[in-house]
Amino acid sequence: MARAVVNKPSLLLLDESLSALDFKLRKQMQVELKELQRQLGITFVFVTHDQEEALSMSDRIVVMNSGKIEQVGTPKEIYENPKNLFVADFIGQINKIKADVLSQDDKSVKLLAYHQEIILKKQKDTLYKDEVVLVIRPEDFRVERKVQDVATSYHLKGTLHQIIYKGVTIDLMIEMEDGNFLHVSEFYNEDSDALTYKEGEELFVYWLEGWEVILEE
């Protein structure tokens, strides 16, 4: 690194520079590299396959697929508004819910997923085909034993397949009627009902309107 920056280049390529380090040292070096970049004012092009590393270190992310640029944006834009399913699936974990398009106009689209009609605002000026995919992050789902009476929320019924306690979070795997699974990740607190759920119990998974991204295959 010292030899590379001594000539004050305008751009520095770092190709998987931290991949050989152990977890703690890698986290420490991520912070130090970011601080070094700010001090030097040199553009760092950091190549990585680590999604969390890309999100935490970058001002802008370029997601590539077989040498082709799929999307360029800030970490927030890439994570919350992926352009397509490849980007959505590449950055972080996602749930994919296939839905049939029943009708649509300039502002909204009516979908059918797991026997429930869902009316969502269009996120962009798009004429959707007959089928779309709702992309929802695990942390954007909530789980309850009863349907939440919230006008702007949508719920799907499933069966608890597995519950995993991770300390800060609790992961729930909900099996749907078609055999697919929805992954739910909730922050754990002592008042949470999550640890009282039993495998095989019927639960409702819900999310608030706007937490989903509508994409096509």
Foldseek 3Di string as FASTA:
>chain_A
DCVVPPVPDQEAEAECVLVPDDDVVSVVVLVVVLVVCVVSVHHYDYHDQDQVSPQVRDQKDFDDDPNHTQDIDGSCCQAQPPPAPVSPPSHAHKDKFKWFWPDDDQFWTWTATQNDIDIATDPDRDDDDGMKIKIAHQAQKDKDADDDPDPQKDKDKFFWADWDDDPQWIWTWTAHPVRDTDIHIYGDDPPDCRVVDDGGRMMMMMGGHPNIYIHHD
